[in-house]
Amino acid sequence: MGNPTREALETCLASLENGKYALMTSSGMSAVMLITHLLDAGDHIIAGDDLYGGTVTYFNKIVSKTYGIETTYVDMSDPDLLRESIQDNTKIVFIETPTNPLLK
């Protein structure tokens, strides 16, 4: 499919970042779904411990149970905790800034 307006925005954003491509989604949750659907069963996500509730619910109830992908929640303000949470199967470090709802 295509949308000329979205394609123009993607081209402009890619140019601003000196990138070859950019990809737009209709919402934050659609972006979360897009990146997690690139993973395989057995992969691991490290996520901030203060995420939007919809993201936490999606990771815990859909990604974990349906796709077999584990999520570890970490206080991202502590780099040592982040480093300690990395596993051999960690594929994504999911950072939300500022966090929701506490704005960490």
PDB file of N, CA and C in Angstrom:
ATOM      1  N   MET A   1       0.849  -1.175   0.000  1.00  0.00           N
ATOM      2  CA  MET A   1       0.000   0.000   0.000  1.00  0.00           C
ATOM      3  C   MET A   1       0.893   1.236   0.000  1.00  0.00           C
ATOM      4  N   GLY A   2       0.292   2.345  -0.154  1.00  0.00           N
ATOM      5  CA  GLY A   2       1.065   3.576  -0.131  1.00  0.00           C
ATOM      6  C   GLY A   2       0.180   4.759   0.194  1.00  0.00           C
ATOM      7  N   ASN A   3       0.799   5.815   0.636  1.00  0.00           N
ATOM      8  CA  ASN A   3       0.112   7.048   0.944  1.00  0.00           C
ATOM      9  C   ASN A   3       1.080   8.171   0.628  1.00  0.00           C
ATOM     10  N   PRO A   4       0.759   9.022  -0.344  1.00  0.00           N
ATOM     11  CA  PRO A   4       1.705  10.063  -0.764  1.00  0.00           C
ATOM     12  C   PRO A   4       2.104  11.007   0.370  1.00  0.00           C
ATOM     13  N   THR A   5       1.179  11.337   1.250  1.00  0.00           N
ATOM     14  CA  THR A   5       1.494  12.238   2.353  1.00  0.00           C
ATOM     15  C   THR A   5       2.463  11.577   3.324  1.00  0.00           C
ATOM     16  N   ARG A   6       2.196  10.322   3.672  1.00  0.00           N
ATOM     17  CA  ARG A   6       3.086   9.600   4.596  1.00  0.00           C
ATOM     18  C   ARG A   6       4.454   9.398   3.941  1.00  0.00           C
ATOM     19  N   GLU A   7       4.474   9.065   2.668  1.00  0.00           N
ATOM     20  CA  GLU A   7       5.744   8.869   1.970  1.00  0.00           C
ATOM     21  C   GLU A   7       6.564  10.156   1.950  1.00  0.00           C
ATOM     22  N   ALA A   8       5.917  11.303   1.778  1.00  0.00           N
ATOM     23  CA  ALA A   8       6.626  12.586   1.799  1.00  0.00           C
ATOM     24  C   ALA A   8       7.229  12.838   3.178  1.00  0.00           C
ATOM     25  N   LEU A   9       6.474  12.541   4.228  1.00  0.00           N
ATOM     26  CA  LEU A   9       6.984  12.712   5.589  1.00  0.00           C
ATOM     27  C   LEU A   9       8.168  11.777   5.842  1.00  0.00           C
ATOM     28  N   GLU A  10       8.058  10.526   5.421  1.00  0.00           N
ATOM     29  CA  GLU A  10       9.153   9.567   5.603  1.00  0.00           C
ATOM     30  C   GLU A  10      10.421  10.043   4.882  1.00  0.00           C
ATOM     31  N   THR A  11      10.262  10.560   3.670  1.00  0.00           N
ATOM     32  CA  THR A  11      11.399  11.059   2.900  1.00  0.00           C
ATOM     33  C   THR A  11      12.046  12.246   3.609  1.00  0.00           C
ATOM     34  N   CYS A  12      11.224  13.160   4.122  1.00  0.00           N
ATOM     35  CA  CYS A  12      11.749  14.339   4.822  1.00  0.00           C
ATOM     36  C   CYS A  12      12.479  13.934   6.107  1.00  0.00           C
ATOM     37  N   LEU A  13      11.892  13.034   6.877  1.00  0.00           N
ATOM     38  CA  LEU A  13      12.530  12.611   8.127  1.00  0.00           C
ATOM     39  C   LEU A  13      13.837  11.872   7.864  1.00  0.00           C
ATOM     40  N   ALA A  14      13.854  11.025   6.860  1.00  0.00           N
ATOM     41  CA  ALA A  14      15.088  10.324   6.517  1.00  0.00           C
ATOM     42  C   ALA A  14      16.167  11.333   6.127  1.00  0.00           C
ATOM     43  N   SER A  15      15.789  12.332   5.373  1.00  0.00           N
ATOM     44  CA  SER A  15      16.740  13.353   4.944  1.00  0.00           C
ATOM     45  C   SER A  15      17.296  14.132   6.139  1.00  0.00           C
ATOM     46  N   LEU A  16      16.438  14.482   7.080  1.00  0.00           N
ATOM     47  CA  LEU A  16      16.880  15.220   8.265  1.00  0.00           C
ATOM     48  C   LEU A  16      17.897  14.431   9.082  1.00  0.00           C
ATOM     49  N   GLU A  17      17.776  13.117   9.079  1.00  0.00           N
ATOM     50  CA  GLU A  17      18.663  12.252   9.852  1.00  0.00           C
ATOM     51  C   GLU A  17      19.805  11.675   9.006  1.00  0.00           C
ATOM     52  N   ASN A  18      19.933  12.170   7.761  1.00  0.00           N
ATOM     53  CA  ASN A  18      20.930  11.637   6.830  1.00  0.00           C
ATOM     54  C   ASN A  18      20.765  10.135   6.636  1.00  0.00           C
ATOM     55  N   GLY A  19      19.517   9.685   6.673  1.00  0.00           N
ATOM     56  CA  GLY A  19      19.221   8.274   6.501  1.00  0.00           C
ATOM     57  C   GLY A  19      18.720   7.991   5.103  1.00  0.00           C
ATOM     58  N   LYS A  20      18.721   6.734   4.771  1.00  0.00           N
ATOM     59  CA  LYS A  20      18.220   6.326   3.467  1.00  0.00           C
ATOM     60  C   LYS A  20      16.704   6.179   3.492  1.00  0.00           C
ATOM     61  N   TYR A  21      16.167   5.692   4.645  1.00  0.00           N
ATOM     62  CA  TYR A  21      14.735   5.453   4.780  1.00  0.00           C
ATOM     63  C   TYR A  21      14.252   5.900   6.150  1.00  0.00           C
ATOM     64  N   ALA A  22      12.971   6.127   6.247  1.00  0.00           N
ATOM     65  CA  ALA A  22      12.280   6.314   7.521  1.00  0.00           C
ATOM     66  C   ALA A  22      10.948   5.584   7.388  1.00  0.00           C
ATOM     67  N   LEU A  23      10.396   5.194   8.504  1.00  0.00           N
ATOM     68  CA  LEU A  23       9.133   4.471   8.488  1.00  0.00           C
ATOM     69  C   LEU A  23       8.194   5.112   9.494  1.00  0.00           C
ATOM     70  N   MET A  24       7.010   5.455   9.048  1.00  0.00           N
ATOM     71  CA  MET A  24       6.009   6.081   9.904  1.00  0.00           C
ATOM     72  C   MET A  24       4.919   5.068  10.241  1.00  0.00           C
ATOM     73  N   THR A  25       4.385   5.194  11.446  1.00  0.00           N
ATOM     74  CA  THR A  25       3.230   4.393  11.833  1.00  0.00           C
ATOM     75  C   THR A  25       2.145   5.347  12.319  1.00  0.00           C
ATOM     76  N   SER A  26       0.950   4.822  12.464  1.00  0.00           N
ATOM     77  CA  SER A  26      -0.184   5.674  12.830  1.00  0.00           C
ATOM     78  C   SER A  26      -0.258   5.967  14.317  1.00  0.00           C
ATOM     79  N   SER A  27       0.475   5.214  15.136  1.00  0.00           N
ATOM     80  CA  SER A  27       0.445   5.444  16.584  1.00  0.00           C
ATOM     81  C   SER A  27       1.684   4.834  17.217  1.00  0.00           C
ATOM     82  N   GLY A  28       1.905   5.186  18.476  1.00  0.00           N
ATOM     83  CA  GLY A  28       3.018   4.601  19.211  1.00  0.00           C
ATOM     84  C   GLY A  28       2.872   3.102  19.372  1.00  0.00           C
ATOM     85  N   MET A  29       1.664   2.636  19.670  1.00  0.00           N
ATOM     86  CA  MET A  29       1.448   1.206  19.845  1.00  0.00           C
ATOM     87  C   MET A  29       1.655   0.447  18.542  1.00  0.00           C
ATOM     88  N   SER A  30       1.320   1.051  17.419  1.00  0.00           N
ATOM     89  CA  SER A  30       1.578   0.352  16.158  1.00  0.00           C
ATOM     90  C   SER A  30       3.080   0.248  15.907  1.00  0.00           C
ATOM     91  N   ALA A  31       3.851   1.238  16.359  1.00  0.00           N
ATOM     92  CA  ALA A  31       5.309   1.156  16.244  1.00  0.00           C
ATOM     93  C   ALA A  31       5.856   0.058  17.152  1.00  0.00           C
ATOM     94  N   VAL A  32       5.317  -0.046  18.379  1.00  0.00           N
ATOM     95  CA  VAL A  32       5.739  -1.102  19.306  1.00  0.00           C
ATOM     96  C   VAL A  32       5.446  -2.472  18.696  1.00  0.00           C
ATOM     97  N   MET A  33       4.260  -2.636  18.145  1.00  0.00           N
ATOM     98  CA  MET A  33       3.898  -3.913  17.528  1.00  0.00           C
ATOM     99  C   MET A  33       4.817  -4.220  16.346  1.00  0.00           C
ATOM    100  N   LEU A  34       5.111  -3.225  15.547  1.00  0.00           N
ATOM    101  CA  LEU A  34       5.962  -3.417  14.380  1.00  0.00           C
ATOM    102  C   LEU A  34       7.332  -3.955  14.771  1.00  0.00           C
ATOM    103  N   ILE A  35       7.972  -3.332  15.753  1.00  0.00           N
ATOM    104  CA  ILE A  35       9.324  -3.780  16.099  1.00  0.00           C
ATOM    105  C   ILE A  35       9.316  -5.133  16.804  1.00  0.00           C
ATOM    106  N   THR A  36       8.297  -5.406  17.625  1.00  0.00           N
ATOM    107  CA  THR A  36       8.283  -6.699  18.309  1.00  0.00           C
ATOM    108  C   THR A  36       7.968  -7.842  17.350  1.00  0.00           C
ATOM    109  N   HIS A  37       7.283  -7.555  16.259  1.00  0.00           N
ATOM    110  CA  HIS A  37       6.983  -8.605  15.283  1.00  0.00           C
ATOM    111  C   HIS A  37       8.197  -8.953  14.423  1.00  0.00           C
ATOM    112  N   LEU A  38       9.290  -8.242  14.620  1.00  0.00           N
ATOM    113  CA  LEU A  38      10.545  -8.590  13.951  1.00  0.00           C
ATOM    114  C   LEU A  38      11.316  -9.654  14.731  1.00  0.00           C
ATOM    115  N   LEU A  39      10.872  -9.921  15.963  1.00  0.00           N
ATOM    116  CA  LEU A  39      11.563 -10.875  16.836  1.00  0.00           C
ATOM    117  C   LEU A  39      11.062 -12.292  16.615  1.00  0.00           C
ATOM    118  N   ASP A  40      11.812 -13.241  17.167  1.00  0.00           N
ATOM    119  CA  ASP A  40      11.460 -14.658  17.106  1.00  0.00           C
ATOM    120  C   ASP A  40      11.190 -15.181  18.505  1.00  0.00           C
ATOM    121  N   ALA A  41      10.477 -16.287  18.580  1.00  0.00           N
ATOM    122  CA  ALA A  41      10.256 -16.953  19.858  1.00  0.00           C
ATOM    123  C   ALA A  41      11.605 -17.210  20.511  1.00  0.00           C
ATOM    124  N   GLY A  42      11.669 -16.974  21.820  1.00  0.00           N
ATOM    125  CA  GLY A  42      12.910 -17.162  22.553  1.00  0.00           C
ATOM    126  C   GLY A  42      13.770 -15.923  22.655  1.00  0.00           C
ATOM    127  N   ASP A  43      13.439 -14.874  21.905  1.00  0.00           N
ATOM    128  CA  ASP A  43      14.183 -13.622  22.007  1.00  0.00           C
ATOM    129  C   ASP A  43      13.812 -12.912  23.307  1.00  0.00           C
ATOM    130  N   HIS A  44      14.580 -11.878  23.634  1.00  0.00           N
ATOM    131  CA  HIS A  44      14.442 -11.177  24.910  1.00  0.00           C
ATOM    132  C   HIS A  44      14.432  -9.673  24.677  1.00  0.00           C
ATOM    133  N   ILE A  45      13.568  -8.989  25.419  1.00  0.00           N
ATOM    134  CA  ILE A  45      13.475  -7.529  25.395  1.00  0.00           C
ATOM    135  C   ILE A  45      13.836  -7.016  26.784  1.00  0.00           C
ATOM    136  N   ILE A  46      14.635  -5.972  26.843  1.00  0.00           N
ATOM    137  CA  ILE A  46      14.832  -5.222  28.079  1.00  0.00           C
ATOM    138  C   ILE A  46      14.039  -3.935  27.910  1.00  0.00           C
ATOM    139  N   ALA A  47      13.175  -3.647  28.874  1.00  0.00           N
ATOM    140  CA  ALA A  47      12.322  -2.472  28.789  1.00  0.00           C
ATOM    141  C   ALA A  47      12.404  -1.677  30.083  1.00  0.00           C
ATOM    142  N   GLY A  48      12.156  -0.391  29.977  1.00  0.00           N
ATOM    143  CA  GLY A  48      12.113   0.454  31.163  1.00  0.00           C
ATOM    144  C   GLY A  48      11.005   0.007  32.107  1.00  0.00           C
ATOM    145  N   ASP A  49      11.215   0.265  33.387  1.00  0.00           N
ATOM    146  CA  ASP A  49      10.238  -0.173  34.389  1.00  0.00           C
ATOM    147  C   ASP A  49       9.081   0.812  34.572  1.00  0.00           C
ATOM    148  N   ASP A  50       9.025   1.834  33.749  1.00  0.00           N
ATOM    149  CA  ASP A  50       7.970   2.842  33.850  1.00  0.00           C
ATOM    150  C   ASP A  50       7.440   3.158  32.453  1.00  0.00           C
ATOM    151  N   LEU A  51       6.881   2.139  31.800  1.00  0.00           N
ATOM    152  CA  LEU A  51       6.359   2.314  30.444  1.00  0.00           C
ATOM    153  C   LEU A  51       4.870   2.612  30.463  1.00  0.00           C
ATOM    154  N   TYR A  52       4.408   3.104  29.357  1.00  0.00           N
ATOM    155  CA  TYR A  52       2.983   3.266  29.108  1.00  0.00           C
ATOM    156  C   TYR A  52       2.284   1.932  29.384  1.00  0.00           C
ATOM    157  N   GLY A  53       1.190   1.971  30.111  1.00  0.00           N
ATOM    158  CA  GLY A  53       0.491   0.757  30.526  1.00  0.00           C
ATOM    159  C   GLY A  53       0.094  -0.149  29.373  1.00  0.00           C
ATOM    160  N   GLY A  54      -0.281   0.429  28.241  1.00  0.00           N
ATOM    161  CA  GLY A  54      -0.643  -0.371  27.083  1.00  0.00           C
ATOM    162  C   GLY A  54       0.528  -1.180  26.563  1.00  0.00           C
ATOM    163  N   THR A  55       1.725  -0.613  26.638  1.00  0.00           N
ATOM    164  CA  THR A  55       2.926  -1.324  26.197  1.00  0.00           C
ATOM    165  C   THR A  55       3.228  -2.483  27.138  1.00  0.00           C
ATOM    166  N   VAL A  56       3.126  -2.239  28.438  1.00  0.00           N
ATOM    167  CA  VAL A  56       3.365  -3.303  29.425  1.00  0.00           C
ATOM    168  C   VAL A  56       2.364  -4.441  29.227  1.00  0.00           C
ATOM    169  N   THR A  57       1.102  -4.095  29.060  1.00  0.00           N
ATOM    170  CA  THR A  57       0.077  -5.111  28.836  1.00  0.00           C
ATOM    171  C   THR A  57       0.371  -5.890  27.566  1.00  0.00           C
ATOM    172  N   TYR A  58       0.753  -5.202  26.505  1.00  0.00           N
ATOM    173  CA  TYR A  58       1.078  -5.870  25.246  1.00  0.00           C
ATOM    174  C   TYR A  58       2.261  -6.812  25.421  1.00  0.00           C
ATOM    175  N   PHE A  59       3.343  -6.341  26.066  1.00  0.00           N
ATOM    176  CA  PHE A  59       4.507  -7.202  26.279  1.00  0.00           C
ATOM    177  C   PHE A  59       4.143  -8.419  27.134  1.00  0.00           C
ATOM    178  N   ASN A  60       3.391  -8.201  28.218  1.00  0.00           N
ATOM    179  CA  ASN A  60       3.108  -9.286  29.169  1.00  0.00           C
ATOM    180  C   ASN A  60       2.037 -10.264  28.693  1.00  0.00           C
ATOM    181  N   LYS A  61       1.024  -9.754  28.025  1.00  0.00           N
ATOM    182  CA  LYS A  61      -0.104 -10.624  27.680  1.00  0.00           C
ATOM    183  C   LYS A  61      -0.079 -11.130  26.247  1.00  0.00           C
ATOM    184  N   ILE A  62       0.530 -10.411  25.351  1.00  0.00           N
ATOM    185  CA  ILE A  62       0.539 -10.819  23.946  1.00  0.00           C
ATOM    186  C   ILE A  62       1.924 -11.334  23.547  1.00  0.00           C
ATOM    187  N   VAL A  63       2.922 -10.497  23.671  1.00  0.00           N
ATOM    188  CA  VAL A  63       4.266 -10.849  23.212  1.00  0.00           C
ATOM    189  C   VAL A  63       4.792 -12.072  23.964  1.00  0.00           C
ATOM    190  N   SER A  64       4.624 -12.079  25.272  1.00  0.00           N
ATOM    191  CA  SER A  64       5.122 -13.196  26.073  1.00  0.00           C
ATOM    192  C   SER A  64       4.344 -14.475  25.813  1.00  0.00           C
ATOM    193  N   LYS A  65       3.048 -14.407  25.932  1.00  0.00           N
ATOM    194  CA  LYS A  65       2.225 -15.619  25.854  1.00  0.00           C
ATOM    195  C   LYS A  65       2.053 -16.135  24.427  1.00  0.00           C
ATOM    196  N   THR A  66       1.878 -15.253  23.488  1.00  0.00           N
ATOM    197  CA  THR A  66       1.615 -15.674  22.117  1.00  0.00           C
ATOM    198  C   THR A  66       2.891 -15.952  21.332  1.00  0.00           C
ATOM    199  N   TYR A  67       3.925 -15.134  21.537  1.00  0.00           N
ATOM    200  CA  TYR A  67       5.125 -15.240  20.722  1.00  0.00           C
ATOM    201  C   TYR A  67       6.329 -15.824  21.462  1.00  0.00           C
ATOM    202  N   GLY A  68       6.205 -16.061  22.772  1.00  0.00           N
ATOM    203  CA  GLY A  68       7.303 -16.653  23.523  1.00  0.00           C
ATOM    204  C   GLY A  68       8.516 -15.759  23.641  1.00  0.00           C
ATOM    205  N   ILE A  69       8.274 -14.462  23.763  1.00  0.00           N
ATOM    206  CA  ILE A  69       9.355 -13.485  23.893  1.00  0.00           C
ATOM    207  C   ILE A  69       9.308 -12.917  25.310  1.00  0.00           C
ATOM    208  N   GLU A  70      10.419 -13.011  26.019  1.00  0.00           N
ATOM    209  CA  GLU A  70      10.490 -12.577  27.411  1.00  0.00           C
ATOM    210  C   GLU A  70      10.872 -11.104  27.492  1.00  0.00           C
ATOM    211  N   THR A  71      10.286 -10.407  28.473  1.00  0.00           N
ATOM    212  CA  THR A  71      10.627  -9.016  28.728  1.00  0.00           C
ATOM    213  C   THR A  71      11.108  -8.879  30.166  1.00  0.00           C
ATOM    214  N   THR A  72      12.241  -8.204  30.341  1.00  0.00           N
ATOM    215  CA  THR A  72      12.754  -7.860  31.659  1.00  0.00           C
ATOM    216  C   THR A  72      12.617  -6.352  31.815  1.00  0.00           C
ATOM    217  N   TYR A  73      12.024  -5.923  32.922  1.00  0.00           N
ATOM    218  CA  TYR A  73      11.832  -4.497  33.185  1.00  0.00           C
ATOM    219  C   TYR A  73      12.929  -4.004  34.111  1.00  0.00           C
ATOM    220  N   VAL A  74      13.568  -2.897  33.727  1.00  0.00           N
ATOM    221  CA  VAL A  74      14.736  -2.380  34.426  1.00  0.00           C
ATOM    222  C   VAL A  74      14.589  -0.875  34.626  1.00  0.00           C
ATOM    223  N   ASP A  75      15.098  -0.390  35.735  1.00  0.00           N
ATOM    224  CA  ASP A  75      15.184   1.058  35.959  1.00  0.00           C
ATOM    225  C   ASP A  75      16.277   1.592  35.040  1.00  0.00           C
ATOM    226  N   MET A  76      15.882   2.255  33.975  1.00  0.00           N
ATOM    227  CA  MET A  76      16.829   2.705  32.960  1.00  0.00           C
ATOM    228  C   MET A  76      17.724   3.848  33.439  1.00  0.00           C
ATOM    229  N   SER A  77      17.431   4.398  34.616  1.00  0.00           N
ATOM    230  CA  SER A  77      18.303   5.456  35.134  1.00  0.00           C
ATOM    231  C   SER A  77      19.567   4.873  35.765  1.00  0.00           C
ATOM    232  N   ASP A  78      19.662   3.544  35.853  1.00  0.00           N
ATOM    233  CA  ASP A  78      20.829   2.868  36.420  1.00  0.00           C
ATOM    234  C   ASP A  78      21.514   2.033  35.337  1.00  0.00           C
ATOM    235  N   PRO A  79      22.572   2.565  34.727  1.00  0.00           N
ATOM    236  CA  PRO A  79      23.248   1.841  33.639  1.00  0.00           C
ATOM    237  C   PRO A  79      23.768   0.469  34.056  1.00  0.00           C
ATOM    238  N   ASP A  80      24.146   0.314  35.322  1.00  0.00           N
ATOM    239  CA  ASP A  80      24.646  -0.989  35.775  1.00  0.00           C
ATOM    240  C   ASP A  80      23.539  -2.039  35.726  1.00  0.00           C
ATOM    241  N   LEU A  81      22.320  -1.674  36.131  1.00  0.00           N
ATOM    242  CA  LEU A  81      21.186  -2.600  36.057  1.00  0.00           C
ATOM    243  C   LEU A  81      20.903  -2.994  34.616  1.00  0.00           C
ATOM    244  N   LEU A  82      20.992  -2.027  33.730  1.00  0.00           N
ATOM    245  CA  LEU A  82      20.776  -2.310  32.307  1.00  0.00           C
ATOM    246  C   LEU A  82      21.816  -3.310  31.807  1.00  0.00           C
ATOM    247  N   ARG A  83      23.082  -3.043  32.096  1.00  0.00           N
ATOM    248  CA  ARG A  83      24.156  -3.950  31.660  1.00  0.00           C
ATOM    249  C   ARG A  83      23.965  -5.358  32.213  1.00  0.00           C
ATOM    250  N   GLU A  84      23.587  -5.453  33.470  1.00  0.00           N
ATOM    251  CA  GLU A  84      23.400  -6.757  34.116  1.00  0.00           C
ATOM    252  C   GLU A  84      22.218  -7.534  33.534  1.00  0.00           C
ATOM    253  N   SER A  85      21.276  -6.830  32.910  1.00  0.00           N
ATOM    254  CA  SER A  85      20.071  -7.475  32.377  1.00  0.00           C
ATOM    255  C   SER A  85      20.244  -8.025  30.976  1.00  0.00           C
ATOM    256  N   ILE A  86      21.331  -7.664  30.317  1.00  0.00           N
ATOM    257  CA  ILE A  86      21.556  -8.125  28.950  1.00  0.00           C
ATOM    258  C   ILE A  86      21.847  -9.620  28.956  1.00  0.00           C
ATOM    259  N   GLN A  87      21.130 -10.346  28.106  1.00  0.00           N
ATOM    260  CA  GLN A  87      21.299 -11.787  27.963  1.00  0.00           C
ATOM    261  C   GLN A  87      21.775 -12.093  26.544  1.00  0.00           C
ATOM    262  N   ASP A  88      22.190 -13.306  26.321  1.00  0.00           N
ATOM    263  CA  ASP A  88      22.634 -13.699  24.979  1.00  0.00           C
ATOM    264  C   ASP A  88      21.522 -13.537  23.943  1.00  0.00           C
ATOM    265  N   ASN A  89      20.272 -13.681  24.376  1.00  0.00           N
ATOM    266  CA  ASN A  89      19.143 -13.598  23.449  1.00  0.00           C
ATOM    267  C   ASN A  89      18.461 -12.233  23.463  1.00  0.00           C
ATOM    268  N   THR A  90      19.062 -11.226  24.110  1.00  0.00           N
ATOM    269  CA  THR A  90      18.489  -9.875  24.120  1.00  0.00           C
ATOM    270  C   THR A  90      18.610  -9.279  22.726  1.00  0.00           C
ATOM    271  N   LYS A  91      17.477  -8.864  22.167  1.00  0.00           N
ATOM    272  CA  LYS A  91      17.460  -8.289  20.821  1.00  0.00           C
ATOM    273  C   LYS A  91      17.068  -6.815  20.812  1.00  0.00           C
ATOM    274  N   ILE A  92      16.296  -6.384  21.835  1.00  0.00           N
ATOM    275  CA  ILE A  92      15.826  -5.002  21.872  1.00  0.00           C
ATOM    276  C   ILE A  92      15.997  -4.440  23.276  1.00  0.00           C
ATOM    277  N   VAL A  93      16.516  -3.214  23.357  1.00  0.00           N
ATOM    278  CA  VAL A  93      16.448  -2.431  24.588  1.00  0.00           C
ATOM    279  C   VAL A  93      15.423  -1.343  24.291  1.00  0.00           C
ATOM    280  N   PHE A  94      14.277  -1.443  24.956  1.00  0.00           N
ATOM    281  CA  PHE A  94      13.143  -0.575  24.677  1.00  0.00           C
ATOM    282  C   PHE A  94      13.137   0.575  25.677  1.00  0.00           C
ATOM    283  N   ILE A  95      13.377   1.781  25.170  1.00  0.00           N
ATOM    284  CA  ILE A  95      13.462   2.967  26.018  1.00  0.00           C
ATOM    285  C   ILE A  95      12.350   3.929  25.633  1.00  0.00           C
ATOM    286  N   GLU A  96      11.633   4.393  26.621  1.00  0.00           N
ATOM    287  CA  GLU A  96      10.596   5.408  26.423  1.00  0.00           C
ATOM    288  C   GLU A  96      11.066   6.649  27.158  1.00  0.00           C
ATOM    289  N   THR A  97      11.127   7.778  26.455  1.00  0.00           N
ATOM    290  CA  THR A  97      11.575   8.994  27.103  1.00  0.00           C
ATOM    291  C   THR A  97      10.751  10.186  26.633  1.00  0.00           C
ATOM    292  N   PRO A  98      10.228  10.981  27.547  1.00  0.00           N
ATOM    293  CA  PRO A  98      10.195  10.673  28.967  1.00  0.00           C
ATOM    294  C   PRO A  98       9.233   9.526  29.225  1.00  0.00           C
ATOM    295  N   THR A  99       9.403   8.870  30.364  1.00  0.00           N
ATOM    296  CA  THR A  99       8.552   7.724  30.664  1.00  0.00           C
ATOM    297  C   THR A  99       7.133   8.157  30.990  1.00  0.00           C
ATOM    298  N   ASN A 100       6.233   7.189  30.930  1.00  0.00           N
ATOM    299  CA  ASN A 100       4.829   7.463  31.186  1.00  0.00           C
ATOM    300  C   ASN A 100       4.355   6.420  32.206  1.00  0.00           C
ATOM    301  N   PRO A 101       3.943   6.784  33.366  1.00  0.00           N
ATOM    302  CA  PRO A 101       3.429   8.089  33.755  1.00  0.00           C
ATOM    303  C   PRO A 101       4.358   8.936  34.612  1.00  0.00           C
ATOM    304  N   LEU A 102       5.506   8.434  35.064  1.00  0.00           N
ATOM    305  CA  LEU A 102       6.295   9.153  36.063  1.00  0.00           C
ATOM    306  C   LEU A 102       7.313  10.141  35.494  1.00  0.00           C
ATOM    307  N   LEU A 103       7.479  10.165  34.180  1.00  0.00           N
ATOM    308  CA  LEU A 103       8.409  11.091  33.525  1.00  0.00           C
ATOM    309  C   LEU A 103       9.837  10.955  34.027  1.00  0.00           C
ATOM    310  N   LYS A 104      10.269   9.707  34.248  1.00  0.00           N
ATOM    311  CA  LYS A 104      11.663   9.473  34.660  1.00  0.00           C
ATOM    312  C   LYS A 104      12.606   9.913  33.550  1.00  0.00           C
TER     313      LYS A 104
END
